[in-house]
PDB file of N, CA and C in Angstrom:
ATOM      1  N   UNK A   1     -67.534 216.186  43.937  1.00  0.00           N
ATOM      2  CA  UNK A   1     -67.897 214.607  43.690  1.00  0.00           C
ATOM      3  C   UNK A   1     -67.668 214.493  41.716  1.00  0.00           C
ATOM      4  N   UNK A   2     -68.103 215.856  41.375  1.00  0.00           N
ATOM      5  CA  UNK A   2     -68.301 215.375  39.754  1.00  0.00           C
ATOM      6  C   UNK A   2     -66.897 215.555  39.239  1.00  0.00           C
ATOM      7  N   UNK A   3     -66.027 216.376  39.931  1.00  0.00           N
ATOM      8  CA  UNK A   3     -64.563 216.177  39.533  1.00  0.00           C
ATOM      9  C   UNK A   3     -64.164 215.053  39.582  1.00  0.00           C
ATOM     10  N   UNK A   4     -64.118 214.214  40.530  1.00  0.00           N
ATOM     11  CA  UNK A   4     -63.777 212.741  40.864  1.00  0.00           C
ATOM     12  C   UNK A   4     -64.305 211.728  39.831  1.00  0.00           C
ATOM     13  N   UNK A   5     -65.506 212.319  39.291  1.00  0.00           N
ATOM     14  CA  UNK A   5     -66.452 211.116  38.175  1.00  0.00           C
ATOM     15  C   UNK A   5     -65.685 211.611  37.140  1.00  0.00           C
ATOM     16  N   UNK A   6     -64.887 212.626  36.567  1.00  0.00           N
ATOM     17  CA  UNK A   6     -64.937 212.896  35.455  1.00  0.00           C
ATOM     18  C   UNK A   6     -63.147 212.280  35.573  1.00  0.00           C
ATOM     19  N   UNK A   7     -62.498 212.309  36.696  1.00  0.00           N
ATOM     20  CA  UNK A   7     -61.209 211.875  37.004  1.00  0.00           C
ATOM     21  C   UNK A   7     -61.157 210.235  36.756  1.00  0.00           C
ATOM     22  N   UNK A   8     -62.324 209.665  37.145  1.00  0.00           N
ATOM     23  CA  UNK A   8     -62.549 208.350  37.107  1.00  0.00           C
ATOM     24  C   UNK A   8     -62.528 208.009  35.786  1.00  0.00           C
ATOM     25  N   UNK A   9     -63.592 208.785  35.034  1.00  0.00           N
ATOM     26  CA  UNK A   9     -63.657 208.272  33.413  1.00  0.00           C
ATOM     27  C   UNK A   9     -62.755 208.525  32.350  1.00  0.00           C
ATOM     28  N   UNK A  10     -61.796 209.512  32.969  1.00  0.00           N
ATOM     29  CA  UNK A  10     -60.175 209.895  32.296  1.00  0.00           C
ATOM     30  C   UNK A  10     -59.453 208.571  32.428  1.00  0.00           C
ATOM     31  N   UNK A  11     -59.529 208.264  33.427  1.00  0.00           N
ATOM     32  CA  UNK A  11     -58.357 207.177  33.753  1.00  0.00           C
ATOM     33  C   UNK A  11     -59.004 205.829  33.255  1.00  0.00           C
ATOM     34  N   UNK A  12     -60.257 205.688  33.045  1.00  0.00           N
ATOM     35  CA  UNK A  12     -60.811 204.421  32.388  1.00  0.00           C
ATOM     36  C   UNK A  12     -60.583 204.334  30.997  1.00  0.00           C
ATOM     37  N   UNK A  13     -60.527 205.394  30.406  1.00  0.00           N
ATOM     38  CA  UNK A  13     -60.629 205.494  28.940  1.00  0.00           C
ATOM     39  C   UNK A  13     -59.046 205.546  28.510  1.00  0.00           C
ATOM     40  N   UNK A  14     -58.505 205.331  29.195  1.00  0.00           N
ATOM     41  CA  UNK A  14     -56.603 205.646  29.109  1.00  0.00           C
ATOM     42  C   UNK A  14     -56.642 203.891  28.553  1.00  0.00           C
ATOM     43  N   UNK A  15     -55.570 203.725  27.404  1.00  0.00           N
ATOM     44  CA  UNK A  15     -55.403 202.530  27.296  1.00  0.00           C
ATOM     45  C   UNK A  15     -54.408 201.822  28.330  1.00  0.00           C
ATOM     46  N   UNK A  16     -54.741 200.567  28.319  1.00  0.00           N
ATOM     47  CA  UNK A  16     -54.019 199.656  29.365  1.00  0.00           C
ATOM     48  C   UNK A  16     -52.438 199.437  28.995  1.00  0.00           C
ATOM     49  N   UNK A  17     -51.657 199.429  29.949  1.00  0.00           N
ATOM     50  CA  UNK A  17     -50.193 199.157  29.647  1.00  0.00           C
ATOM     51  C   UNK A  17     -50.080 197.842  30.065  1.00  0.00           C
ATOM     52  N   UNK A  18     -48.941 197.438  29.888  1.00  0.00           N
ATOM     53  CA  UNK A  18     -48.623 196.041  30.004  1.00  0.00           C
ATOM     54  C   UNK A  18     -48.353 195.445  31.264  1.00  0.00           C
ATOM     55  N   UNK A  19     -48.155 194.670  31.952  1.00  0.00           N
ATOM     56  CA  UNK A  19     -47.406 194.390  33.367  1.00  0.00           C
ATOM     57  C   UNK A  19     -45.957 194.580  33.388  1.00  0.00           C
ATOM     58  N   UNK A  20     -45.148 194.565  32.016  1.00  0.00           N
ATOM     59  CA  UNK A  20     -43.878 194.618  31.864  1.00  0.00           C
ATOM     60  C   UNK A  20     -43.328 196.193  32.111  1.00  0.00           C
ATOM     61  N   UNK A  21     -44.478 197.441  31.379  1.00  0.00           N
ATOM     62  CA  UNK A  21     -44.448 198.442  31.308  1.00  0.00           C
ATOM     63  C   UNK A  21     -44.449 199.034  32.956  1.00  0.00           C
ATOM     64  N   UNK A  22     -45.557 198.537  33.587  1.00  0.00           N
ATOM     65  CA  UNK A  22     -45.934 198.928  34.858  1.00  0.00           C
ATOM     66  C   UNK A  22     -44.692 198.426  36.006  1.00  0.00           C
ATOM     67  N   UNK A  23     -44.270 197.619  35.635  1.00  0.00           N
ATOM     68  CA  UNK A  23     -42.494 197.115  36.520  1.00  0.00           C
ATOM     69  C   UNK A  23     -41.735 198.131  36.143  1.00  0.00           C
ATOM     70  N   UNK A  24     -41.493 198.537  35.009  1.00  0.00           N
ATOM     71  CA  UNK A  24     -40.706 199.591  34.368  1.00  0.00           C
ATOM     72  C   UNK A  24     -40.757 200.601  35.175  1.00  0.00           C
ATOM     73  N   UNK A  25     -42.084 201.373  35.055  1.00  0.00           N
ATOM     74  CA  UNK A  25     -42.603 202.524  35.965  1.00  0.00           C
ATOM     75  C   UNK A  25     -42.537 202.379  37.054  1.00  0.00           C
ATOM     76  N   UNK A  26     -42.668 201.470  38.054  1.00  0.00           N
ATOM     77  CA  UNK A  26     -42.241 201.227  39.237  1.00  0.00           C
ATOM     78  C   UNK A  26     -41.024 201.496  39.642  1.00  0.00           C
ATOM     79  N   UNK A  27     -40.140 200.741  39.150  1.00  0.00           N
ATOM     80  CA  UNK A  27     -38.782 200.681  39.303  1.00  0.00           C
ATOM     81  C   UNK A  27     -38.165 202.252  39.095  1.00  0.00           C
ATOM     82  N   UNK A  28     -38.747 203.303  37.884  1.00  0.00           N
ATOM     83  CA  UNK A  28     -38.451 204.542  37.822  1.00  0.00           C
ATOM     84  C   UNK A  28     -38.967 205.264  38.815  1.00  0.00           C
ATOM     85  N   UNK A  29     -40.111 204.818  39.486  1.00  0.00           N
ATOM     86  CA  UNK A  29     -40.791 206.053  39.981  1.00  0.00           C
ATOM     87  C   UNK A  29     -40.531 205.844  41.470  1.00  0.00           C
ATOM     88  N   UNK A  30     -40.324 204.510  42.163  1.00  0.00           N
ATOM     89  CA  UNK A  30     -39.829 204.318  43.248  1.00  0.00           C
ATOM     90  C   UNK A  30     -38.356 203.868  43.767  1.00  0.00           C
ATOM     91  N   UNK A  31     -37.657 204.266  42.309  1.00  0.00           N
ATOM     92  CA  UNK A  31     -35.997 203.832  42.512  1.00  0.00           C
ATOM     93  C   UNK A  31     -35.967 202.461  43.217  1.00  0.00           C
ATOM     94  N   UNK A  32     -36.413 201.664  43.005  1.00  0.00           N
ATOM     95  CA  UNK A  32     -36.277 200.063  43.709  1.00  0.00           C
ATOM     96  C   UNK A  32     -35.244 199.354  42.545  1.00  0.00           C
ATOM     97  N   UNK A  33     -34.090 199.765  42.040  1.00  0.00           N
ATOM     98  CA  UNK A  33     -33.399 199.092  41.383  1.00  0.00           C
ATOM     99  C   UNK A  33     -32.940 197.852  41.981  1.00  0.00           C
ATOM    100  N   UNK A  34     -33.034 197.524  43.387  1.00  0.00           N
ATOM    101  CA  UNK A  34     -32.316 196.161  43.946  1.00  0.00           C
ATOM    102  C   UNK A  34     -33.410 195.338  43.172  1.00  0.00           C
ATOM    103  N   UNK A  35     -34.668 195.440  43.083  1.00  0.00           N
ATOM    104  CA  UNK A  35     -35.540 194.329  42.521  1.00  0.00           C
ATOM    105  C   UNK A  35     -35.435 193.802  41.317  1.00  0.00           C
ATOM    106  N   UNK A  36     -34.296 194.336  40.463  1.00  0.00           N
ATOM    107  CA  UNK A  36     -34.094 194.085  38.878  1.00  0.00           C
ATOM    108  C   UNK A  36     -33.528 192.617  39.044  1.00  0.00           C
ATOM    109  N   UNK A  37     -32.082 192.654  39.573  1.00  0.00           N
ATOM    110  CA  UNK A  37     -31.460 191.204  39.533  1.00  0.00           C
ATOM    111  C   UNK A  37     -32.102 190.267  39.928  1.00  0.00           C
ATOM    112  N   UNK A  38     -33.092 190.473  41.123  1.00  0.00           N
ATOM    113  CA  UNK A  38     -33.895 189.297  41.886  1.00  0.00           C
ATOM    114  C   UNK A  38     -35.237 188.858  40.529  1.00  0.00           C
ATOM    115  N   UNK A  39     -35.532 189.834  39.744  1.00  0.00           N
ATOM    116  CA  UNK A  39     -36.535 189.228  38.599  1.00  0.00           C
ATOM    117  C   UNK A  39     -35.972 188.636  37.703  1.00  0.00           C
ATOM    118  N   UNK A  40     -34.621 189.366  37.518  1.00  0.00           N
ATOM    119  CA  UNK A  40     -33.757 188.629  36.313  1.00  0.00           C
ATOM    120  C   UNK A  40     -33.460 187.069  36.649  1.00  0.00           C
ATOM    121  N   UNK A  41     -32.870 186.920  37.596  1.00  0.00           N
ATOM    122  CA  UNK A  41     -32.576 185.335  37.814  1.00  0.00           C
ATOM    123  C   UNK A  41     -34.162 184.754  38.173  1.00  0.00           C
ATOM    124  N   UNK A  42     -35.126 185.260  38.698  1.00  0.00           N
ATOM    125  CA  UNK A  42     -36.154 184.425  38.823  1.00  0.00           C
ATOM    126  C   UNK A  42     -36.692 184.050  37.509  1.00  0.00           C
ATOM    127  N   UNK A  43     -36.579 185.092  36.464  1.00  0.00           N
ATOM    128  CA  UNK A  43     -36.989 184.470  35.040  1.00  0.00           C
ATOM    129  C   UNK A  43     -36.010 183.913  34.297  1.00  0.00           C
ATOM    130  N   UNK A  44     -34.629 183.601  34.440  1.00  0.00           N
ATOM    131  CA  UNK A  44     -33.623 182.824  33.921  1.00  0.00           C
ATOM    132  C   UNK A  44     -34.260 181.495  34.709  1.00  0.00           C
ATOM    133  N   UNK A  45     -34.093 181.163  35.969  1.00  0.00           N
ATOM    134  CA  UNK A  45     -34.625 180.182  36.561  1.00  0.00           C
ATOM    135  C   UNK A  45     -35.986 179.478  36.010  1.00  0.00           C
ATOM    136  N   UNK A  46     -36.722 180.087  36.004  1.00  0.00           N
ATOM    137  CA  UNK A  46     -38.369 179.744  35.054  1.00  0.00           C
ATOM    138  C   UNK A  46     -37.968 179.286  33.643  1.00  0.00           C
ATOM    139  N   UNK A  47     -37.043 180.029  32.662  1.00  0.00           N
ATOM    140  CA  UNK A  47     -36.847 179.642  31.521  1.00  0.00           C
ATOM    141  C   UNK A  47     -36.282 178.412  31.718  1.00  0.00           C
ATOM    142  N   UNK A  48     -35.422 178.079  32.594  1.00  0.00           N
ATOM    143  CA  UNK A  48     -34.526 176.849  32.769  1.00  0.00           C
ATOM    144  C   UNK A  48     -35.246 175.646  32.882  1.00  0.00           C
ATOM    145  N   UNK A  49     -36.543 175.905  33.785  1.00  0.00           N
ATOM    146  CA  UNK A  49     -37.394 174.883  34.266  1.00  0.00           C
ATOM    147  C   UNK A  49     -38.376 174.524  32.980  1.00  0.00           C
ATOM    148  N   UNK A  50     -38.952 175.498  32.437  1.00  0.00           N
ATOM    149  CA  UNK A  50     -39.220 175.451  31.191  1.00  0.00           C
ATOM    150  C   UNK A  50     -38.725 174.249  30.018  1.00  0.00           C
ATOM    151  N   UNK A  51     -37.787 174.644  29.915  1.00  0.00           N
ATOM    152  CA  UNK A  51     -36.658 174.288  28.979  1.00  0.00           C
ATOM    153  C   UNK A  51     -36.379 172.486  29.816  1.00  0.00           C
ATOM    154  N   UNK A  52     -36.351 172.591  30.897  1.00  0.00           N
ATOM    155  CA  UNK A  52     -35.842 171.351  31.527  1.00  0.00           C
ATOM    156  C   UNK A  52     -37.057 170.544  31.196  1.00  0.00           C
ATOM    157  N   UNK A  53     -37.976 170.612  30.990  1.00  0.00           N
ATOM    158  CA  UNK A  53     -39.112 169.536  31.091  1.00  0.00           C
ATOM    159  C   UNK A  53     -39.631 169.409  29.306  1.00  0.00           C
ATOM    160  N   UNK A  54     -38.831 170.093  28.182  1.00  0.00           N
ATOM    161  CA  UNK A  54     -38.989 169.937  26.753  1.00  0.00           C
ATOM    162  C   UNK A  54     -38.207 168.944  26.348  1.00  0.00           C
ATOM    163  N   UNK A  55     -37.882 169.026  25.303  1.00  0.00           N
ATOM    164  CA  UNK A  55     -37.023 167.940  24.541  1.00  0.00           C
ATOM    165  C   UNK A  55     -35.650 168.343  24.517  1.00  0.00           C
ATOM    166  N   UNK A  56     -35.451 169.763  24.745  1.00  0.00           N
ATOM    167  CA  UNK A  56     -34.147 170.340  25.247  1.00  0.00           C
ATOM    168  C   UNK A  56     -33.417 170.044  26.372  1.00  0.00           C
ATOM    169  N   UNK A  57     -33.879 169.084  27.479  1.00  0.00           N
ATOM    170  CA  UNK A  57     -33.866 168.757  28.616  1.00  0.00           C
ATOM    171  C   UNK A  57     -32.265 168.102  28.493  1.00  0.00           C
ATOM    172  N   UNK A  58     -31.790 167.256  27.771  1.00  0.00           N
ATOM    173  CA  UNK A  58     -30.316 166.755  27.587  1.00  0.00           C
ATOM    174  C   UNK A  58     -29.586 167.514  27.226  1.00  0.00           C
ATOM    175  N   UNK A  59     -29.765 168.580  26.485  1.00  0.00           N
ATOM    176  CA  UNK A  59     -28.488 169.867  25.869  1.00  0.00           C
ATOM    177  C   UNK A  59     -28.509 170.537  27.653  1.00  0.00           C
ATOM    178  N   UNK A  60     -29.540 170.864  28.269  1.00  0.00           N
ATOM    179  CA  UNK A  60     -29.325 171.688  29.245  1.00  0.00           C
ATOM    180  C   UNK A  60     -28.558 170.729  30.571  1.00  0.00           C
ATOM    181  N   UNK A  61     -29.049 169.921  30.645  1.00  0.00           N
ATOM    182  CA  UNK A  61     -28.154 169.023  31.711  1.00  0.00           C
ATOM    183  C   UNK A  61     -27.086 168.894  31.571  1.00  0.00           C
ATOM    184  N   UNK A  62     -26.241 168.793  30.078  1.00  0.00           N
ATOM    185  CA  UNK A  62     -24.971 168.649  29.838  1.00  0.00           C
ATOM    186  C   UNK A  62     -24.349 169.931  30.389  1.00  0.00           C
ATOM    187  N   UNK A  63     -25.017 171.023  30.675  1.00  0.00           N
ATOM    188  CA  UNK A  63     -24.156 172.233  30.876  1.00  0.00           C
ATOM    189  C   UNK A  63     -23.827 172.199  32.324  1.00  0.00           C
ATOM    190  N   UNK A  64     -24.476 171.397  33.147  1.00  0.00           N
ATOM    191  CA  UNK A  64     -24.462 171.535  34.463  1.00  0.00           C
ATOM    192  C   UNK A  64     -23.637 170.197  34.613  1.00  0.00           C
TER     193      UNK A  64
END
């Protein structure tokens, strides 16, 4: 019981990692490389949606 409490305190005192770093660690540890292109495309689509609702919209619409 005491050992698990010390382990918990040790983990709690560590600095938090960012979500990006956790995702990279997940990809490296679990070898889920097929997820990377999906998240890249989703990220690019999200950026396109954000820019489509700003003043840059006329410039984006000319690309398509």
